Amino acid sequence: MTAGRCFPWRWVIAGLAVAVIALTVFIPPPGTAREEVENPDNMPETDFTEEIESVEEACIPDSIRVLVLNGTLIDGLATRTQRHLLGSSSDSTVILAPLDPSNTDTKPYEETIIISHLADISAARVIADILGRPEECIVWEVPAYNAPVIVDVTVCIGCDIGEMISTIE
């Protein structure tokens, strides 16, 4: 083999690395730096969190698949809750129940738990609103990567709304 002149790959790679570092320093990726905008005296200051919350509230799903589990000692409460949820379907959101209501593994639940099986919490929020529960009762249980999602939301009924649902019918 001869020690001829080869293309200087090492210098090209080193130059590209320096260019990437320089661009990262002078032009940060989107979303990492907050641009300062001058506020004229006649423009009122706005709160960006209010705008974000209003966008999130507008994301109402077309359909929600719900599984209802009875976590109380009241017989038939899961069936009544499921009927209540199905009757709450509107023109914008249709509530479906692909599985029969059943009981939780352990009883009694003191508080109702709403489990979202989707990364987006909006479906669970709709169900929580129908049941009159605060957002603090929503938890996530997202399935493993590429695992099929049978239901969007699971409702484990607790004693806190057990009496309310039992008086509906």
C-alpha atoms as a PDB file:
ATOM      1  CA  MET A   1       0.000   0.000   0.000  1.00  0.00           C
ATOM      2  CA  THR A   2       1.196   3.451  -0.711  1.00  0.00           C
ATOM      3  CA  ALA A   3       0.903   6.298   1.668  1.00  0.00           C
ATOM      4  CA  GLY A   4      -0.748   8.590  -0.838  1.00  0.00           C
ATOM      5  CA  ARG A   5      -2.852  11.550  -0.131  1.00  0.00           C
ATOM      6  CA  CYS A   6      -6.358  10.637   1.128  1.00  0.00           C
ATOM      7  CA  PHE A   7      -9.321  12.872   1.595  1.00  0.00           C
ATOM      8  CA  PRO A   8      -9.042  14.510   5.063  1.00  0.00           C
ATOM      9  CA  TRP A   9     -12.170  12.969   6.652  1.00  0.00           C
ATOM     10  CA  ARG A  10     -10.973  13.751  10.162  1.00  0.00           C
ATOM     11  CA  TRP A  11     -10.860  17.455   9.371  1.00  0.00           C
ATOM     12  CA  VAL A  12     -14.327  17.398   7.794  1.00  0.00           C
ATOM     13  CA  ILE A  13     -15.855  15.641  10.799  1.00  0.00           C
ATOM     14  CA  ALA A  14     -14.097  17.986  13.233  1.00  0.00           C
ATOM     15  CA  GLY A  15     -15.317  20.988  11.230  1.00  0.00           C
ATOM     16  CA  LEU A  16     -18.913  19.727  11.266  1.00  0.00           C
ATOM     17  CA  ALA A  17     -18.761  19.154  15.032  1.00  0.00           C
ATOM     18  CA  VAL A  18     -17.509  22.705  15.602  1.00  0.00           C
ATOM     19  CA  ALA A  19     -20.254  24.078  13.334  1.00  0.00           C
ATOM     20  CA  VAL A  20     -22.989  22.173  15.229  1.00  0.00           C
ATOM     21  CA  ILE A  21     -21.680  23.399  18.579  1.00  0.00           C
ATOM     22  CA  ALA A  22     -21.476  26.987  17.316  1.00  0.00           C
ATOM     23  CA  LEU A  23     -25.018  26.853  15.932  1.00  0.00           C
ATOM     24  CA  THR A  24     -26.328  25.402  19.198  1.00  0.00           C
ATOM     25  CA  VAL A  25     -24.704  28.179  21.192  1.00  0.00           C
ATOM     26  CA  PHE A  26     -25.839  31.028  18.952  1.00  0.00           C
ATOM     27  CA  ILE A  27     -29.192  29.610  17.786  1.00  0.00           C
ATOM     28  CA  PRO A  28     -30.742  27.406  20.510  1.00  0.00           C
ATOM     29  CA  PRO A  29     -33.301  24.762  19.497  1.00  0.00           C
ATOM     30  CA  PRO A  30     -36.960  25.858  19.453  1.00  0.00           C
ATOM     31  CA  GLY A  31     -38.663  25.835  22.825  1.00  0.00           C
ATOM     32  CA  THR A  32     -35.457  26.071  24.874  1.00  0.00           C
ATOM     33  CA  ALA A  33     -35.092  29.826  25.002  1.00  0.00           C
ATOM     34  CA  ARG A  34     -37.810  32.358  25.657  1.00  0.00           C
ATOM     35  CA  GLU A  35     -37.657  35.267  23.289  1.00  0.00           C
ATOM     36  CA  GLU A  36     -37.966  38.625  24.930  1.00  0.00           C
ATOM     37  CA  VAL A  37     -40.592  40.779  23.268  1.00  0.00           C
ATOM     38  CA  GLU A  38     -40.896  44.431  24.049  1.00  0.00           C
ATOM     39  CA  ASN A  39     -44.283  45.334  25.434  1.00  0.00           C
ATOM     40  CA  PRO A  40     -45.548  48.710  24.294  1.00  0.00           C
ATOM     41  CA  ASP A  41     -47.238  50.750  26.977  1.00  0.00           C
ATOM     42  CA  ASN A  42     -50.653  50.350  25.399  1.00  0.00           C
ATOM     43  CA  MET A  43     -50.511  46.506  25.225  1.00  0.00           C
ATOM     44  CA  PRO A  44     -51.740  44.690  28.343  1.00  0.00           C
ATOM     45  CA  GLU A  45     -49.624  41.849  29.712  1.00  0.00           C
ATOM     46  CA  THR A  46     -51.151  38.431  29.076  1.00  0.00           C
ATOM     47  CA  ASP A  47     -50.648  35.246  31.009  1.00  0.00           C
ATOM     48  CA  PHE A  48     -49.468  32.464  28.699  1.00  0.00           C
ATOM     49  CA  THR A  49     -50.775  29.728  31.019  1.00  0.00           C
ATOM     50  CA  GLU A  50     -54.344  30.961  30.504  1.00  0.00           C
ATOM     51  CA  GLU A  51     -53.938  30.608  26.744  1.00  0.00           C
ATOM     52  CA  ILE A  52     -52.518  27.081  27.092  1.00  0.00           C
ATOM     53  CA  GLU A  53     -55.350  25.981  29.403  1.00  0.00           C
ATOM     54  CA  SER A  54     -57.992  27.296  26.991  1.00  0.00           C
ATOM     55  CA  VAL A  55     -56.417  25.298  24.148  1.00  0.00           C
ATOM     56  CA  GLU A  56     -56.367  22.138  26.308  1.00  0.00           C
ATOM     57  CA  GLU A  57     -60.016  22.597  27.228  1.00  0.00           C
ATOM     58  CA  ALA A  58     -60.930  22.797  23.557  1.00  0.00           C
ATOM     59  CA  CYS A  59     -59.479  19.289  22.938  1.00  0.00           C
ATOM     60  CA  ILE A  60     -62.585  17.214  23.614  1.00  0.00           C
ATOM     61  CA  PRO A  61     -62.419  13.706  22.151  1.00  0.00           C
ATOM     62  CA  ASP A  62     -65.064  12.470  19.706  1.00  0.00           C
ATOM     63  CA  SER A  63     -65.559   9.208  21.581  1.00  0.00           C
ATOM     64  CA  ILE A  64     -64.452   7.795  24.910  1.00  0.00           C
ATOM     65  CA  ARG A  65     -64.308   4.075  25.678  1.00  0.00           C
ATOM     66  CA  VAL A  66     -64.950   3.558  29.392  1.00  0.00           C
ATOM     67  CA  LEU A  67     -64.671   0.567  31.722  1.00  0.00           C
ATOM     68  CA  VAL A  68     -66.561   0.977  35.004  1.00  0.00           C
ATOM     69  CA  LEU A  69     -65.499  -0.997  38.079  1.00  0.00           C
ATOM     70  CA  ASN A  70     -67.398  -1.067  41.368  1.00  0.00           C
ATOM     71  CA  GLY A  71     -65.107  -0.385  44.298  1.00  0.00           C
ATOM     72  CA  THR A  72     -67.923  -0.112  46.854  1.00  0.00           C
ATOM     73  CA  LEU A  73     -70.085  -2.581  48.744  1.00  0.00           C
ATOM     74  CA  ILE A  74     -73.236  -1.356  46.908  1.00  0.00           C
ATOM     75  CA  ASP A  75     -74.403  -4.053  44.469  1.00  0.00           C
ATOM     76  CA  GLY A  76     -75.056  -2.973  40.872  1.00  0.00           C
ATOM     77  CA  LEU A  77     -73.380   0.416  41.256  1.00  0.00           C
ATOM     78  CA  ALA A  78     -71.035  -0.136  38.304  1.00  0.00           C
ATOM     79  CA  THR A  79     -74.000  -0.863  36.016  1.00  0.00           C
ATOM     80  CA  ARG A  80     -75.857   2.263  37.170  1.00  0.00           C
ATOM     81  CA  THR A  81     -72.728   4.381  36.762  1.00  0.00           C
ATOM     82  CA  GLN A  82     -72.175   3.001  33.288  1.00  0.00           C
ATOM     83  CA  ARG A  83     -75.772   3.852  32.328  1.00  0.00           C
ATOM     84  CA  HIS A  84     -75.290   7.350  33.759  1.00  0.00           C
ATOM     85  CA  LEU A  85     -72.131   7.828  31.674  1.00  0.00           C
ATOM     86  CA  LEU A  86     -73.726   6.430  28.510  1.00  0.00           C
ATOM     87  CA  GLY A  87     -76.706   8.747  29.016  1.00  0.00           C
ATOM     88  CA  SER A  88     -74.321  11.699  29.270  1.00  0.00           C
ATOM     89  CA  SER A  89     -73.149  11.315  25.676  1.00  0.00           C
ATOM     90  CA  SER A  90     -73.515  14.523  23.720  1.00  0.00           C
ATOM     91  CA  ASP A  91     -73.281  15.598  20.096  1.00  0.00           C
ATOM     92  CA  SER A  92     -69.571  16.352  20.520  1.00  0.00           C
ATOM     93  CA  THR A  93     -68.569  13.321  22.622  1.00  0.00           C
ATOM     94  CA  VAL A  94     -69.952   9.803  22.449  1.00  0.00           C
ATOM     95  CA  ILE A  95     -69.271   7.603  25.463  1.00  0.00           C
ATOM     96  CA  LEU A  96     -68.908   3.906  24.706  1.00  0.00           C
ATOM     97  CA  ALA A  97     -68.637   0.927  27.058  1.00  0.00           C
ATOM     98  CA  PRO A  98     -66.991  -1.950  25.183  1.00  0.00           C
ATOM     99  CA  LEU A  99     -66.769  -4.135  28.309  1.00  0.00           C
ATOM    100  CA  ASP A 100     -69.367  -5.123  30.895  1.00  0.00           C
ATOM    101  CA  PRO A 101     -69.114  -3.368  34.262  1.00  0.00           C
ATOM    102  CA  SER A 102     -67.578  -5.438  37.039  1.00  0.00           C
ATOM    103  CA  ASN A 103     -66.011  -5.212  40.490  1.00  0.00           C
ATOM    104  CA  THR A 104     -62.547  -4.053  41.483  1.00  0.00           C
ATOM    105  CA  ASP A 105     -60.072  -6.561  42.894  1.00  0.00           C
ATOM    106  CA  THR A 106     -60.181  -4.984  46.348  1.00  0.00           C
ATOM    107  CA  LYS A 107     -63.001  -3.207  48.180  1.00  0.00           C
ATOM    108  CA  PRO A 108     -63.960  -0.681  49.402  1.00  0.00           C
ATOM    109  CA  TYR A 109     -62.386   2.304  47.691  1.00  0.00           C
ATOM    110  CA  GLU A 110     -62.791   5.443  49.766  1.00  0.00           C
ATOM    111  CA  GLU A 111     -62.384   7.763  46.762  1.00  0.00           C
ATOM    112  CA  THR A 112     -63.228   7.345  43.105  1.00  0.00           C
ATOM    113  CA  ILE A 113     -60.209   6.913  40.848  1.00  0.00           C
ATOM    114  CA  ILE A 114     -60.310   7.720  37.144  1.00  0.00           C
ATOM    115  CA  ILE A 115     -57.498   6.038  35.219  1.00  0.00           C
ATOM    116  CA  SER A 116     -56.475   7.428  31.838  1.00  0.00           C
ATOM    117  CA  HIS A 117     -54.930   4.853  29.521  1.00  0.00           C
ATOM    118  CA  LEU A 118     -54.025   7.518  26.964  1.00  0.00           C
ATOM    119  CA  ALA A 119     -51.193  10.032  27.033  1.00  0.00           C
ATOM    120  CA  ASP A 120     -53.811  12.769  26.555  1.00  0.00           C
ATOM    121  CA  ILE A 121     -55.819  13.380  29.718  1.00  0.00           C
ATOM    122  CA  SER A 122     -58.779  15.114  28.039  1.00  0.00           C
ATOM    123  CA  ALA A 123     -60.960  11.961  27.909  1.00  0.00           C
ATOM    124  CA  ALA A 124     -60.458  11.383  31.635  1.00  0.00           C
ATOM    125  CA  ARG A 125     -61.305  15.035  32.305  1.00  0.00           C
ATOM    126  CA  VAL A 126     -64.635  14.659  30.503  1.00  0.00           C
ATOM    127  CA  ILE A 127     -65.519  11.586  32.593  1.00  0.00           C
ATOM    128  CA  ALA A 128     -64.416  13.336  35.801  1.00  0.00           C
ATOM    129  CA  ASP A 129     -66.639  16.316  34.954  1.00  0.00           C
ATOM    130  CA  ILE A 130     -69.654  14.070  34.326  1.00  0.00           C
ATOM    131  CA  LEU A 131     -69.115  12.330  37.670  1.00  0.00           C
ATOM    132  CA  GLY A 132     -68.449  15.611  39.493  1.00  0.00           C
ATOM    133  CA  ARG A 133     -64.922  14.637  40.509  1.00  0.00           C
ATOM    134  CA  PRO A 134     -61.906  16.958  40.684  1.00  0.00           C
ATOM    135  CA  GLU A 135     -58.914  16.533  38.384  1.00  0.00           C
ATOM    136  CA  GLU A 136     -56.843  15.274  41.329  1.00  0.00           C
ATOM    137  CA  CYS A 137     -58.624  11.907  41.122  1.00  0.00           C
ATOM    138  CA  ILE A 138     -57.215  11.255  37.620  1.00  0.00           C
ATOM    139  CA  VAL A 139     -54.157   9.026  37.310  1.00  0.00           C
ATOM    140  CA  TRP A 140     -52.300   7.620  34.303  1.00  0.00           C
ATOM    141  CA  GLU A 141     -51.726   4.002  33.442  1.00  0.00           C
ATOM    142  CA  VAL A 142     -50.442   4.088  29.896  1.00  0.00           C
ATOM    143  CA  PRO A 143     -49.812   0.644  28.375  1.00  0.00           C
ATOM    144  CA  ALA A 144     -46.396  -0.450  27.161  1.00  0.00           C
ATOM    145  CA  TYR A 145     -45.146   0.630  23.743  1.00  0.00           C
ATOM    146  CA  ASN A 146     -47.356  -0.655  20.900  1.00  0.00           C
ATOM    147  CA  ALA A 147     -49.679  -2.490  23.307  1.00  0.00           C
ATOM    148  CA  PRO A 148     -53.323  -2.231  22.231  1.00  0.00           C
ATOM    149  CA  VAL A 149     -55.579   0.040  24.257  1.00  0.00           C
ATOM    150  CA  ILE A 150     -58.981  -1.565  24.844  1.00  0.00           C
ATOM    151  CA  VAL A 151     -60.465   1.311  26.836  1.00  0.00           C
ATOM    152  CA  ASP A 152     -59.478   4.962  27.100  1.00  0.00           C
ATOM    153  CA  VAL A 153     -60.585   5.445  30.706  1.00  0.00           C
ATOM    154  CA  THR A 154     -61.249   3.121  33.642  1.00  0.00           C
ATOM    155  CA  VAL A 155     -63.458   4.364  36.476  1.00  0.00           C
ATOM    156  CA  CYS A 156     -63.019   2.696  39.882  1.00  0.00           C
ATOM    157  CA  ILE A 157     -66.049   3.869  41.843  1.00  0.00           C
ATOM    158  CA  GLY A 158     -65.427   4.783  45.446  1.00  0.00           C
ATOM    159  CA  CYS A 159     -67.648   5.471  48.421  1.00  0.00           C
ATOM    160  CA  ASP A 160     -67.398   9.231  47.781  1.00  0.00           C
ATOM    161  CA  ILE A 161     -69.813   9.075  44.827  1.00  0.00           C
ATOM    162  CA  GLY A 162     -71.434   5.738  45.604  1.00  0.00           C
ATOM    163  CA  GLU A 163     -74.461   7.319  47.259  1.00  0.00           C
ATOM    164  CA  MET A 164     -74.816   9.980  44.552  1.00  0.00           C
ATOM    165  CA  ILE A 165     -74.968   7.379  41.770  1.00  0.00           C
ATOM    166  CA  SER A 166     -77.254   5.055  43.739  1.00  0.00           C
ATOM    167  CA  THR A 167     -79.843   7.859  44.076  1.00  0.00           C
ATOM    168  CA  ILE A 168     -79.889   8.619  40.338  1.00  0.00           C
ATOM    169  CA  GLU A 169     -82.138   5.678  39.546  1.00  0.00           C
END
